[in-house]
Structure formats: structure tokens, C-alpha cells
N, C-alpha and C. Protein backbone atom coordinates (compact mmCIF):
# COMPACT_ATOMS: atom_id res chain seq x y z
N MET A 1 147.58 151.43 88.33
CA MET A 1 147.94 149.85 89.32
C MET A 1 147.60 148.73 88.96
N VAL A 2 148.65 147.80 89.54
CA VAL A 2 148.45 146.30 88.98
C VAL A 2 147.52 145.78 89.38
N LYS A 3 146.64 144.61 88.98
CA LYS A 3 145.46 144.08 89.70
C LYS A 3 146.69 142.48 90.49
N PRO A 4 145.62 142.17 91.15
CA PRO A 4 146.46 141.15 92.00
C PRO A 4 145.85 139.76 90.93
N SER A 5 146.94 138.98 91.06
CA SER A 5 146.60 137.31 90.15
C SER A 5 145.67 136.71 90.87
N LYS A 6 144.41 136.34 90.06
CA LYS A 6 143.84 135.36 90.28
C LYS A 6 143.72 134.27 90.04
N GLY A 7 145.02 133.74 89.69
CA GLY A 7 144.90 132.27 89.18
C GLY A 7 145.17 131.45 90.42
N ALA A 8 145.39 129.79 89.90
CA ALA A 8 145.54 128.55 90.67
C ALA A 8 145.73 128.95 92.32
N PHE A 9 146.88 129.15 92.32
CA PHE A 9 147.87 129.26 93.86
C PHE A 9 148.20 130.40 93.72
N ASN A 10 146.73 131.24 93.68
CA ASN A 10 147.31 132.33 94.28
C ASN A 10 147.23 132.55 95.35
N ARG A 11 147.62 132.93 96.32
CA ARG A 11 147.68 132.83 98.20
C ARG A 11 147.95 131.62 98.49
N ARG A 12 147.90 130.71 98.36
CA ARG A 12 147.93 129.10 98.00
C ARG A 12 149.93 128.90 98.25
N THR A 13 150.53 129.49 97.50
CA THR A 13 151.93 128.91 96.92
C THR A 13 152.98 129.04 98.20
N ARG A 14 152.50 129.69 99.61
CA ARG A 14 153.60 130.03 100.80
C ARG A 14 152.89 128.77 101.38
N LYS A 15 151.81 128.50 101.53
CA LYS A 15 151.79 127.43 102.72
C LYS A 15 152.25 125.50 101.99
N LEU A 16 152.14 125.83 100.82
CA LEU A 16 152.63 124.67 100.07
C LEU A 16 154.03 124.53 99.59
N LYS A 17 155.26 125.78 100.20
CA LYS A 17 156.66 125.77 99.92
C LYS A 17 157.00 124.68 100.70
N GLY A 18 158.49 123.69 99.61
CA GLY A 18 159.18 122.87 100.13
C GLY A 18 158.62 121.56 100.25
N LYS A 19 157.24 121.39 99.42
CA LYS A 19 156.44 120.06 99.78
C LYS A 19 156.46 119.84 97.59
N SER A 20 156.96 120.35 97.39
CA SER A 20 157.05 119.96 95.45
C SER A 20 157.70 118.92 95.19
N VAL A 21 158.67 118.26 95.68
CA VAL A 21 159.33 117.08 95.03
C VAL A 21 158.03 115.78 95.71
N VAL A 22 157.61 115.30 93.87
CA VAL A 22 157.20 113.58 94.12
C VAL A 22 157.86 112.88 93.76
N SER A 23 157.99 111.82 93.99
CA SER A 23 158.81 110.98 93.76
C SER A 23 157.63 109.81 92.82
N VAL A 24 157.72 108.73 92.17
CA VAL A 24 157.05 108.18 91.41
C VAL A 24 156.36 107.04 92.43
N THR A 25 156.98 106.56 93.62
CA THR A 25 156.18 106.05 94.85
C THR A 25 154.83 106.64 95.30
N GLN A 26 154.87 107.84 95.22
CA GLN A 26 153.85 108.73 95.65
C GLN A 26 152.43 108.70 94.57
N THR A 27 152.90 108.92 93.26
CA THR A 27 152.02 109.11 91.94
C THR A 27 151.43 108.06 92.08
N VAL A 28 151.84 106.23 92.70
CA VAL A 28 150.86 105.55 91.77
C VAL A 28 150.78 104.70 93.65
N LYS A 29 150.51 105.38 94.05
CA LYS A 29 150.05 104.87 95.88
C LYS A 29 148.97 103.93 95.29
N LYS A 30 148.57 103.09 96.12
CA LYS A 30 147.46 102.20 95.99
C LYS A 30 146.28 102.05 97.62
N PHE A 31 145.84 102.51 98.08
CA PHE A 31 144.93 103.16 98.92
C PHE A 31 143.21 101.75 99.36
N LYS A 32 142.60 101.08 100.19
CA LYS A 32 141.87 100.10 100.04
C LYS A 32 140.49 100.89 100.38
N VAL A 33 139.43 100.36 99.98
CA VAL A 33 137.87 100.97 101.16
C VAL A 33 138.27 100.77 102.46
N GLY A 34 137.82 101.99 103.02
CA GLY A 34 138.18 101.77 104.18
C GLY A 34 139.46 101.94 105.26
N ASP A 35 140.50 102.28 104.51
CA ASP A 35 141.45 102.73 104.92
C ASP A 35 141.59 104.13 105.55
N ALA A 36 142.13 104.27 106.86
CA ALA A 36 141.98 105.69 107.31
C ALA A 36 143.40 106.13 106.52
N VAL A 37 143.54 107.88 106.54
CA VAL A 37 144.40 108.70 105.52
C VAL A 37 144.05 109.59 106.28
N VAL A 38 145.46 110.48 105.71
CA VAL A 38 145.58 111.85 106.30
C VAL A 38 145.66 112.37 105.48
N ILE A 39 144.77 113.93 105.14
CA ILE A 39 145.21 114.29 103.71
C ILE A 39 146.38 115.74 103.95
N LYS A 40 147.54 115.42 103.52
CA LYS A 40 148.80 116.11 103.53
C LYS A 40 149.12 116.85 102.17
N PRO A 41 148.72 118.42 101.63
CA PRO A 41 148.62 118.41 100.54
C PRO A 41 150.10 118.52 99.77
N ARG A 42 150.61 117.90 98.36
CA ARG A 42 151.48 118.91 98.25
C ARG A 42 151.60 119.63 96.99
N ALA A 43 152.82 120.23 96.71
CA ALA A 43 152.99 121.23 95.53
C ALA A 43 152.66 121.15 93.89
N LYS A 44 151.78 119.61 93.78
CA LYS A 44 151.42 118.71 92.52
C LYS A 44 149.93 120.01 92.79
N PHE A 45 149.75 120.58 91.78
CA PHE A 45 148.28 120.96 91.15
C PHE A 45 147.28 119.71 91.07
N ILE A 46 147.39 118.53 90.53
CA ILE A 46 146.19 117.97 89.97
C ILE A 46 145.73 117.03 91.20
N GLY A 47 144.56 117.77 91.04
CA GLY A 47 143.85 116.88 92.42
C GLY A 47 143.72 117.18 94.12
N LEU A 48 144.62 118.38 93.86
CA LEU A 48 144.82 118.85 95.23
C LEU A 48 143.20 119.25 96.01
N PRO A 49 143.22 118.86 97.33
CA PRO A 49 142.32 119.22 97.81
C PRO A 49 142.55 120.78 98.41
N HIS A 50 141.55 121.28 98.68
CA HIS A 50 141.01 122.44 99.57
C HIS A 50 142.06 122.84 100.42
N LEU A 51 143.08 124.12 100.78
CA LEU A 51 143.84 124.06 102.18
C LEU A 51 142.85 124.11 103.02
N ARG A 52 142.21 124.12 103.60
CA ARG A 52 141.22 123.88 104.47
C ARG A 52 141.34 122.22 104.90
N TYR A 53 141.52 121.61 104.34
CA TYR A 53 141.44 119.62 104.97
C TYR A 53 142.78 119.27 104.97
N ALA A 54 143.49 120.36 104.29
CA ALA A 54 144.96 119.85 105.10
C ALA A 54 145.29 119.55 106.60
N ASN A 55 145.85 118.45 106.93
CA ASN A 55 146.14 117.42 108.34
C ASN A 55 144.64 116.99 108.36
N ARG A 56 143.78 117.10 107.63
CA ARG A 56 142.54 116.45 108.62
C ARG A 56 142.69 114.45 108.41
N HIS A 57 142.05 113.88 108.92
CA HIS A 57 141.76 112.39 109.28
C HIS A 57 140.41 112.38 108.52
N GLY A 58 140.38 111.23 107.75
CA GLY A 58 139.14 110.69 106.63
C GLY A 58 139.52 109.39 106.54
N ILE A 59 138.51 108.64 106.00
CA ILE A 59 138.48 107.59 105.73
C ILE A 59 137.87 107.41 104.11
N ILE A 60 138.81 106.33 103.69
CA ILE A 60 138.40 106.20 101.66
C ILE A 60 136.74 105.48 101.77
N MET A 61 136.55 106.53 101.50
CA MET A 61 134.87 106.08 100.41
C MET A 61 135.06 104.83 99.28
N GLU A 62 135.32 105.03 98.14
CA GLU A 62 135.62 105.10 96.65
C GLU A 62 136.67 105.29 95.70
N LYS A 63 137.03 104.84 94.96
CA LYS A 63 137.66 105.30 94.22
C LYS A 63 137.12 105.40 93.07
N ARG A 64 137.66 106.89 92.47
CA ARG A 64 137.54 107.66 91.46
C ARG A 64 138.29 107.54 90.64
N GLY A 65 138.46 107.26 89.43
CA GLY A 65 139.44 107.32 88.00
C GLY A 65 140.50 106.89 88.54
N ASN A 66 141.62 107.79 89.32
CA ASN A 66 142.66 107.86 89.68
C ASN A 66 143.11 108.80 91.13
N SER A 67 141.66 109.23 91.32
CA SER A 67 141.58 109.65 92.47
C SER A 67 140.98 108.99 93.80
N TYR A 68 140.37 109.67 94.61
CA TYR A 68 139.70 108.76 96.39
C TYR A 68 138.68 109.70 96.34
N LEU A 69 137.97 108.75 96.52
CA LEU A 69 136.64 110.24 97.58
C LEU A 69 136.90 109.86 99.18
N VAL A 70 137.23 110.33 99.77
CA VAL A 70 137.69 110.71 101.31
C VAL A 70 136.88 111.55 101.66
N GLU A 71 136.13 110.54 103.27
CA GLU A 71 135.42 111.23 104.16
C GLU A 71 135.46 111.94 105.25
N VAL A 72 135.44 113.21 105.10
CA VAL A 72 136.56 114.00 106.44
C VAL A 72 135.20 114.62 107.29
N LYS A 73 135.70 114.75 108.67
CA LYS A 73 134.57 115.13 109.42
C LYS A 73 134.69 116.64 109.43
N ASP A 74 133.89 117.68 109.83
CA ASP A 74 134.40 118.79 109.88
C ASP A 74 132.89 119.23 111.33
N PHE A 75 133.86 119.12 112.60
CA PHE A 75 132.83 119.47 113.29
C PHE A 75 131.63 118.15 113.66
N ASN A 76 130.17 118.34 113.25
CA ASN A 76 129.90 117.74 113.30
C ASN A 76 128.94 116.88 112.44
N ALA A 77 129.49 117.35 110.94
CA ALA A 77 128.81 117.24 109.39
C ALA A 77 130.23 116.31 108.90
N LYS A 78 129.78 115.47 107.83
CA LYS A 78 130.77 114.61 107.16
C LYS A 78 130.68 115.02 106.18
N LYS A 79 131.63 115.38 105.40
CA LYS A 79 132.01 116.20 104.41
C LYS A 79 133.08 114.85 103.00
N THR A 80 132.86 115.00 101.82
CA THR A 80 133.61 114.32 101.04
C THR A 80 134.22 115.10 100.01
N VAL A 81 135.28 114.55 99.89
CA VAL A 81 136.46 115.13 98.99
C VAL A 81 136.87 114.49 98.50
N ILE A 82 137.43 114.76 97.18
CA ILE A 82 138.11 113.79 95.70
C ILE A 82 139.48 114.42 95.76
N VAL A 83 140.14 113.50 95.95
CA VAL A 83 141.84 113.37 96.77
C VAL A 83 142.42 112.48 95.51
N ASN A 84 143.31 113.28 95.02
CA ASN A 84 144.53 112.27 94.32
C ASN A 84 145.35 111.81 95.37
N PRO A 85 146.25 110.73 94.91
CA PRO A 85 147.13 109.95 96.26
C PRO A 85 147.81 110.31 96.65
N ILE A 86 148.51 111.25 95.54
CA ILE A 86 150.22 111.87 96.17
C ILE A 86 149.80 112.74 96.97
N HIS A 87 148.52 113.15 97.57
CA HIS A 87 148.22 114.02 98.85
C HIS A 87 147.42 112.90 99.48
N LEU A 88 147.80 112.08 99.70
CA LEU A 88 147.26 111.16 101.14
C LEU A 88 148.35 110.45 101.64
N LYS A 89 148.42 110.17 102.85
CA LYS A 89 149.05 109.66 103.38
C LYS A 89 148.57 108.68 104.36
N LEU A 90 148.94 107.41 105.14
CA LEU A 90 148.20 106.04 105.54
C LEU A 90 148.23 106.49 106.80
N SER A 91 147.18 106.59 107.79
CA SER A 91 146.85 107.01 108.85
C SER A 91 147.44 106.00 109.96
N ALA A 92 148.63 106.12 110.89
CA ALA A 92 149.01 105.64 111.73
C ALA A 92 147.54 104.80 113.12
């Protein structure tokens, strides 16, 4: 029998289907510390957060290189996730 793939996008691609188009403005987005953001995963693998954090609201704590450190609430626990700006959107 054929062994299933254990690659980076194993069992993730269907959740990201149709979200692969990324414009230049999305790659150079800037955020400030304290901005409220929503994690919206795109089909760009660089800086992709785990899909359990999809559509979660968080606050930007700091900038690390090209990515941002986002604090997300998971029930009563506060967790920090490193996310590329392609996968972030300002919260309304």
C-alpha cells in the first residue's frame, strides 16, 4: 500500500482552498503594537499559523523580523502566536 504524505500541507489544503491569491499590498502590510487583529490564514506557507487559530481575534504585542507576535485568548489561557502579516487583518 501507499503511505500517506506527511508533508507541510498534509490535511490542510482543503481548508485553505480558494485563498491562494496574495497581492503585494497584503505582503507589505504594517501594524502597530496594540492593534486588534483577526488571524485569517492564506495559502502562503511562510509564517502560516496553525489552523486552530483561524478567525481568532488577538492583539499585536511586538514585531519580530517580518512577522508579528499576536496574543490570542484560548478560553482562559493567553497564548502567543508568531504570524506573518499576510495572515492578519485589522479587526473592526
